[in-house]
Amino acid sequence: MNIIAVKEGHENDPGIQALVKVLKSDEIKQYINDTYDGAVIPFED
């Protein structure tokens, strides 16, 4: 399970939305898979 915790009312802040977008990107998913060999699971919806 992937959790990003933010202060109530900040869910739609541009910085938070940018972070979520990056964490969901194929490039980051591939980096996590290559670097951590299953010890860390990439963000999924």
N, C-alpha and C. Protein backbone atom coordinates (compact mmCIF):
# COMPACT_ATOMS: atom_id res chain seq x y z
N MET A 1 0.84 -1.16 0.00
CA MET A 1 0.00 0.00 0.00
C MET A 1 0.90 1.24 0.00
N ASN A 2 0.58 2.18 -0.85
CA ASN A 2 1.30 3.45 -0.92
C ASN A 2 0.44 4.55 -0.33
N ILE A 3 1.00 5.33 0.56
CA ILE A 3 0.26 6.41 1.20
C ILE A 3 1.08 7.69 1.12
N ILE A 4 0.42 8.75 0.70
CA ILE A 4 1.01 10.08 0.77
C ILE A 4 0.10 10.86 1.71
N ALA A 5 0.62 11.24 2.85
CA ALA A 5 -0.17 11.96 3.85
C ALA A 5 0.08 13.46 3.71
N VAL A 6 -1.01 14.22 3.67
CA VAL A 6 -0.91 15.68 3.61
C VAL A 6 -1.88 16.28 4.62
N LYS A 7 -1.58 17.47 5.03
CA LYS A 7 -2.45 18.17 5.96
C LYS A 7 -3.80 18.42 5.29
N GLU A 8 -4.87 18.22 6.05
CA GLU A 8 -6.21 18.40 5.54
C GLU A 8 -6.34 19.77 4.87
N GLY A 9 -6.94 19.76 3.70
CA GLY A 9 -7.13 20.99 2.94
C GLY A 9 -6.04 21.25 1.92
N HIS A 10 -4.97 20.44 1.96
CA HIS A 10 -3.85 20.63 1.04
C HIS A 10 -3.78 19.54 -0.03
N GLU A 11 -4.81 18.74 -0.13
CA GLU A 11 -4.80 17.61 -1.05
C GLU A 11 -4.60 18.03 -2.50
N ASN A 12 -5.09 19.20 -2.87
CA ASN A 12 -5.02 19.65 -4.25
C ASN A 12 -3.96 20.73 -4.49
N ASP A 13 -3.07 20.93 -3.54
CA ASP A 13 -1.99 21.90 -3.73
C ASP A 13 -1.15 21.48 -4.94
N PRO A 14 -0.70 22.44 -5.72
CA PRO A 14 0.09 22.11 -6.91
C PRO A 14 1.32 21.26 -6.62
N GLY A 15 2.00 21.52 -5.53
CA GLY A 15 3.19 20.73 -5.19
C GLY A 15 2.86 19.28 -4.89
N ILE A 16 1.76 19.05 -4.21
CA ILE A 16 1.32 17.68 -3.89
C ILE A 16 0.92 16.96 -5.17
N GLN A 17 0.18 17.64 -6.02
CA GLN A 17 -0.25 17.04 -7.29
C GLN A 17 0.96 16.72 -8.17
N ALA A 18 1.97 17.59 -8.16
CA ALA A 18 3.19 17.33 -8.94
C ALA A 18 3.92 16.11 -8.39
N LEU A 19 3.99 15.98 -7.07
CA LEU A 19 4.64 14.83 -6.45
C LEU A 19 3.94 13.54 -6.85
N VAL A 20 2.63 13.52 -6.78
CA VAL A 20 1.85 12.33 -7.15
C VAL A 20 2.10 11.98 -8.61
N LYS A 21 2.11 12.98 -9.47
CA LYS A 21 2.33 12.74 -10.90
C LYS A 21 3.70 12.10 -11.13
N VAL A 22 4.72 12.62 -10.47
CA VAL A 22 6.07 12.08 -10.62
C VAL A 22 6.13 10.64 -10.09
N LEU A 23 5.55 10.40 -8.93
CA LEU A 23 5.60 9.06 -8.35
C LEU A 23 4.87 8.02 -9.20
N LYS A 24 3.89 8.46 -9.99
CA LYS A 24 3.15 7.56 -10.86
C LYS A 24 3.80 7.40 -12.24
N SER A 25 4.85 8.16 -12.52
CA SER A 25 5.47 8.12 -13.84
C SER A 25 6.17 6.79 -14.09
N ASP A 26 6.19 6.40 -15.36
CA ASP A 26 6.86 5.15 -15.74
C ASP A 26 8.34 5.19 -15.43
N GLU A 27 8.96 6.37 -15.58
CA GLU A 27 10.39 6.50 -15.31
C GLU A 27 10.71 6.22 -13.84
N ILE A 28 9.92 6.74 -12.95
CA ILE A 28 10.16 6.52 -11.51
C ILE A 28 9.86 5.06 -11.15
N LYS A 29 8.80 4.52 -11.71
CA LYS A 29 8.48 3.11 -11.45
C LYS A 29 9.65 2.22 -11.87
N GLN A 30 10.21 2.49 -13.05
CA GLN A 30 11.34 1.69 -13.53
C GLN A 30 12.56 1.88 -12.65
N TYR A 31 12.84 3.11 -12.24
CA TYR A 31 13.97 3.39 -11.35
C TYR A 31 13.83 2.61 -10.04
N ILE A 32 12.64 2.64 -9.46
CA ILE A 32 12.41 1.93 -8.19
C ILE A 32 12.61 0.43 -8.39
N ASN A 33 12.06 -0.11 -9.47
CA ASN A 33 12.22 -1.55 -9.73
C ASN A 33 13.68 -1.92 -9.95
N ASP A 34 14.40 -1.11 -10.71
CA ASP A 34 15.81 -1.40 -11.00
C ASP A 34 16.69 -1.24 -9.77
N THR A 35 16.40 -0.24 -8.95
CA THR A 35 17.27 0.10 -7.82
C THR A 35 17.02 -0.77 -6.60
N TYR A 36 15.76 -1.07 -6.32
CA TYR A 36 15.43 -1.73 -5.06
C TYR A 36 15.04 -3.19 -5.20
N ASP A 37 15.00 -3.71 -6.42
CA ASP A 37 14.82 -5.14 -6.68
C ASP A 37 13.71 -5.77 -5.83
N GLY A 38 12.55 -5.11 -5.79
CA GLY A 38 11.41 -5.67 -5.09
C GLY A 38 11.27 -5.28 -3.63
N ALA A 39 12.30 -4.65 -3.06
CA ALA A 39 12.23 -4.24 -1.66
C ALA A 39 11.32 -3.02 -1.47
N VAL A 40 11.16 -2.24 -2.54
CA VAL A 40 10.27 -1.08 -2.54
C VAL A 40 9.32 -1.27 -3.70
N ILE A 41 8.05 -1.03 -3.47
CA ILE A 41 7.04 -1.21 -4.51
C ILE A 41 6.65 0.16 -5.06
N PRO A 42 6.70 0.33 -6.39
CA PRO A 42 6.32 1.62 -6.97
C PRO A 42 4.87 1.97 -6.70
N PHE A 43 4.58 3.25 -6.73
CA PHE A 43 3.24 3.78 -6.50
C PHE A 43 2.29 3.26 -7.56
N GLU A 44 1.14 2.79 -7.16
CA GLU A 44 0.07 2.36 -8.06
C GLU A 44 -1.23 2.99 -7.59
N ASP A 45 -2.15 3.17 -8.52
CA ASP A 45 -3.47 3.71 -8.15
C ASP A 45 -4.25 2.71 -7.34
